[in-house]
Every structure is written in C-alpha cells, then in structure tokens.
Amino acid sequence: METSFKAVYDKIKENILLELNLPEDKNFIQHTNKFQDQVKSLDKMVDISEKQIRNLYFISSEMIQAVIHNGIFNKDIFVNGIKLFYDDEKFYLLSQNLMNNEKIQRVQLKFEEVNSAFDSDNTEEELTIRYKYKLKNTPMGKAGVSVGVLDLARRSMNKLLYDFEKIDDQLSIFSIICTVDNE
C-alpha cells in the first residue's frame, strides 16, 4: 500500500527540527544561509552521520532552489518555505510554495514519472539511468523540474510524496515530502 502525503504529514508535523520561511522580499541568501548552517549542525541535535548531513544539505538545497525558482511569492496568501522533521527513524524535508493551477498536471506527471522508477527491480540503477538520460537529452534551460526531482529521488532513495492544496481558481499550495532513512 502506498503511503499518502497526508498520512506522513500528520505523523511528522509535531516533530519539526528546522524551518525556513522564504519571504516575499526575496532576501533569500540571508535566510537560506542560516538554514543551511543549521543543517550542517544537525549532529548537535540528533544522532546523525556526516554522510547523512551532506545528503540532507544537498536535498534541502535542491528543494530551496525549486521553491525560489518555481514558487509564486505572495505573503498575504501563503509564505513559501522548507521544514525539516525527524521521528527517530527518518528525516523528512517538506517544501511548500504557491503555484499556478495550470501547472499542476505537468508537475504531477513529472513526479509520477520519477516515482515509477521505484517499481523497478533495481531502483538506484533506474534512477541513475533516467538522470543521465535527462542531463544528456534535455536542453540546459529546460531540464528544471525533471532533473531536480530525479536528483531528490536519487538522494533520498524513497518515493517523493506530493500534494496540491487548491486555494482558488488560479493558485494552489504545492507540497513535497522527501523522506531520508536514518542510517
């Protein structure tokens, strides 16, 4: 049985370790640097290896970039951001941003395409093949969502959970949960 976004979110929402709100003023560097420094210092908060810290750092960087480049910023409606949760077994990175409803179907197809690699007998190899193919065959400016989503799946080695919460006819909150197993 597939784990749903809502089930995981309900399980983790009280176990937040770190939070990054990306304000409408677009002063991202100051905010992201502080968050990334906190990720680098996770070993002071929980039992975690240096390898896991690097992995979580990379995943959070990828998610931050996705929110900055693809999110719509309007603090009166929603504040885009990233949160890191922990529940003794796993780390969960949650990114949330406003997006245009017209993009939902395209984004959903990309996530389903990436998650289908987990149906393979060798998920790691399948994700690597898809990643290299996308890098080689997609024009530089067009790679965006596919390569980034593949990278998240390759780093986490778990299906990516996602959700679209419709706000109105034009906007939704797009959420992604990237799960990283504790070693």
Protein backbone atom coordinates (compact mmCIF):
# COMPACT_ATOMS: atom_id res chain seq x y z
CA MET A 1 0.00 0.00 0.00
CA GLU A 2 1.29 3.44 -0.95
CA THR A 3 1.91 5.90 1.84
CA SER A 4 -0.08 9.05 1.29
CA PHE A 5 1.20 12.58 1.66
CA LYS A 6 -1.42 13.37 4.31
CA ALA A 7 -0.61 10.29 6.41
CA VAL A 8 3.09 11.17 6.52
CA TYR A 9 2.42 14.85 7.14
CA ASP A 10 0.05 14.06 10.02
CA LYS A 11 2.69 11.75 11.52
CA ILE A 12 5.55 14.26 11.39
CA LYS A 13 4.00 17.71 11.79
CA GLU A 14 4.81 17.91 15.53
CA ASN A 15 8.46 16.82 15.12
CA ILE A 16 9.95 19.86 13.41
CA LEU A 17 13.71 20.40 13.75
CA LEU A 18 14.31 23.31 11.39
CA GLU A 19 12.23 25.77 9.43
CA LEU A 20 12.99 28.22 6.63
CA ASN A 21 10.42 30.77 5.53
CA LEU A 22 11.22 32.42 2.22
CA PRO A 23 9.79 35.92 2.46
CA GLU A 24 8.32 37.95 -0.34
CA ASP A 25 11.16 40.47 -0.01
CA LYS A 26 13.30 37.90 -1.85
CA ASN A 27 16.24 38.33 0.52
CA PHE A 28 16.88 34.63 0.07
CA ILE A 29 20.62 34.44 0.65
CA GLN A 30 20.46 35.64 4.25
CA HIS A 31 17.61 33.26 5.12
CA THR A 32 18.95 30.22 3.26
CA ASN A 33 22.49 30.59 4.63
CA LYS A 34 21.20 30.47 8.21
CA PHE A 35 19.05 27.40 7.45
CA GLN A 36 21.92 25.63 5.67
CA ASP A 37 24.24 26.34 8.62
CA GLN A 38 21.65 24.73 10.89
CA VAL A 39 21.51 21.67 8.62
CA LYS A 40 25.31 21.40 8.82
CA SER A 41 24.98 21.37 12.64
CA LEU A 42 22.29 18.67 12.87
CA ASP A 43 24.69 16.36 14.70
CA LYS A 44 24.27 18.61 17.75
CA MET A 45 20.50 17.95 17.71
CA VAL A 46 20.16 14.28 16.71
CA ASP A 47 22.29 11.21 16.16
CA ILE A 48 23.32 11.58 12.52
CA SER A 49 26.34 10.72 10.40
CA GLU A 50 28.37 13.23 8.42
CA LYS A 51 27.23 11.45 5.23
CA GLN A 52 23.58 11.97 6.19
CA ILE A 53 24.21 15.64 6.96
CA ARG A 54 25.72 16.11 3.49
CA ASN A 55 22.77 14.29 1.93
CA LEU A 56 20.19 16.38 3.81
CA TYR A 57 22.14 19.53 2.96
CA PHE A 58 22.05 18.68 -0.74
CA ILE A 59 18.36 17.75 -0.70
CA SER A 60 17.43 20.91 1.19
CA SER A 61 19.47 22.99 -1.28
CA GLU A 62 17.65 21.41 -4.21
CA MET A 63 14.27 21.99 -2.58
CA ILE A 64 15.11 25.60 -1.70
CA GLN A 65 16.15 26.29 -5.30
CA ALA A 66 12.92 24.73 -6.59
CA VAL A 67 10.82 26.93 -4.30
CA ILE A 68 12.76 30.07 -5.23
CA HIS A 69 12.66 29.43 -8.98
CA ASN A 70 9.17 27.93 -9.28
CA GLY A 71 7.20 29.44 -6.42
CA ILE A 72 4.90 32.42 -6.56
CA PHE A 73 5.58 34.81 -3.70
CA ASN A 74 2.58 36.47 -2.06
CA LYS A 75 2.80 36.61 1.75
CA ASP A 76 -0.85 37.67 2.00
CA ILE A 77 -1.84 34.23 0.70
CA PHE A 78 0.99 31.91 1.82
CA VAL A 79 4.65 32.03 2.91
CA ASN A 80 6.77 29.61 0.87
CA GLY A 81 9.35 27.58 2.73
CA ILE A 82 11.13 24.42 3.80
CA LYS A 83 10.85 22.41 7.02
CA LEU A 84 12.92 19.54 8.35
CA PHE A 85 11.28 16.92 10.57
CA TYR A 86 12.68 13.91 12.41
CA ASP A 87 10.96 10.95 14.07
CA ASP A 88 13.81 8.68 15.30
CA GLU A 89 13.66 6.59 12.14
CA LYS A 90 13.64 9.05 9.30
CA PHE A 91 14.22 12.64 8.30
CA TYR A 92 11.55 14.40 6.29
CA LEU A 93 12.09 17.55 4.26
CA LEU A 94 8.92 19.39 3.37
CA SER A 95 8.88 22.15 0.78
CA GLN A 96 5.79 24.24 0.15
CA ASN A 97 5.15 27.01 -2.33
CA LEU A 98 2.37 28.72 -4.20
CA MET A 99 1.99 27.71 -7.84
CA ASN A 100 -0.37 28.33 -10.73
CA ASN A 101 -3.08 25.68 -11.06
CA GLU A 102 -2.39 25.44 -14.79
CA LYS A 103 0.97 23.79 -14.00
CA ILE A 104 -0.41 21.06 -11.72
CA GLN A 105 -0.97 18.39 -14.34
CA ARG A 106 2.52 18.82 -15.85
CA VAL A 107 4.21 18.73 -12.43
CA GLN A 108 2.14 15.73 -11.33
CA LEU A 109 3.20 13.80 -14.46
CA LYS A 110 6.88 14.55 -13.73
CA PHE A 111 6.57 13.26 -10.17
CA GLU A 112 4.74 10.12 -11.27
CA GLU A 113 7.41 9.50 -13.91
CA VAL A 114 10.16 9.75 -11.30
CA ASN A 115 8.29 7.68 -8.70
CA SER A 116 7.69 4.92 -11.26
CA ALA A 117 11.42 4.13 -11.02
CA PHE A 118 10.68 2.63 -7.60
CA ASP A 119 8.73 -0.15 -9.35
CA SER A 120 11.98 -1.36 -10.91
CA ASP A 121 13.97 -4.33 -9.60
CA ASN A 122 16.96 -2.00 -9.16
CA THR A 123 15.63 1.45 -8.26
CA GLU A 124 19.03 3.03 -7.76
CA GLU A 125 20.24 1.98 -11.20
CA GLU A 126 16.96 3.00 -12.83
CA LEU A 127 17.09 6.47 -11.27
CA THR A 128 20.71 6.91 -12.37
CA ILE A 129 19.89 5.90 -15.95
CA ARG A 130 16.95 8.31 -16.07
CA TYR A 131 19.02 11.11 -14.54
CA LYS A 132 21.86 10.71 -17.04
CA TYR A 133 19.39 10.49 -19.91
CA LYS A 134 17.68 13.74 -18.85
CA LEU A 135 21.01 15.53 -18.47
CA LYS A 136 22.17 14.37 -21.90
CA ASN A 137 18.93 14.84 -23.85
CA THR A 138 17.26 17.89 -22.35
CA PRO A 139 18.35 21.40 -23.35
CA MET A 140 20.10 23.17 -20.46
CA GLY A 141 17.37 25.71 -19.77
CA LYS A 142 14.61 23.10 -19.99
CA ALA A 143 15.89 20.40 -17.58
CA GLY A 144 14.48 22.05 -14.45
CA VAL A 145 11.75 20.01 -12.78
CA SER A 146 12.71 16.61 -14.21
CA VAL A 147 16.39 16.69 -13.27
CA GLY A 148 15.76 18.24 -9.84
CA VAL A 149 13.03 15.75 -8.98
CA LEU A 150 15.18 12.84 -10.17
CA ASP A 151 18.02 14.15 -8.02
CA LEU A 152 15.76 14.28 -4.94
CA ALA A 153 14.67 10.69 -5.54
CA ARG A 154 18.27 9.55 -6.12
CA ARG A 155 19.46 11.18 -2.89
CA SER A 156 16.59 10.02 -0.71
CA MET A 157 16.02 6.59 -2.27
CA ASN A 158 12.34 6.94 -1.35
CA LYS A 159 9.31 7.88 -3.40
CA LEU A 160 8.57 11.57 -3.32
CA LEU A 161 5.24 12.42 -1.74
CA TYR A 162 3.44 15.47 -3.03
CA ASP A 163 0.17 17.33 -2.70
CA PHE A 164 -1.68 20.24 -4.26
CA GLU A 165 -3.99 22.20 -1.98
CA LYS A 166 -6.21 24.39 -4.10
CA ILE A 167 -6.61 27.93 -2.74
CA ASP A 168 -8.70 29.40 -5.55
CA ASP A 169 -9.18 29.06 -9.33
CA GLN A 170 -5.66 30.32 -10.01
CA LEU A 171 -3.41 29.18 -7.15
CA SER A 172 -2.57 26.10 -5.11
CA ILE A 173 -0.05 25.26 -2.42
CA PHE A 174 2.33 22.68 -3.84
CA SER A 175 3.95 20.49 -1.16
CA ILE A 176 6.69 17.87 -1.45
CA ILE A 177 7.88 15.49 1.26
CA CYS A 178 11.29 13.95 0.67
CA THR A 179 11.99 11.11 3.11
CA VAL A 180 15.54 10.16 4.12
CA ASP A 181 16.08 6.98 6.14
CA ASN A 182 18.23 7.25 9.25
CA GLU A 183 21.32 5.06 8.95
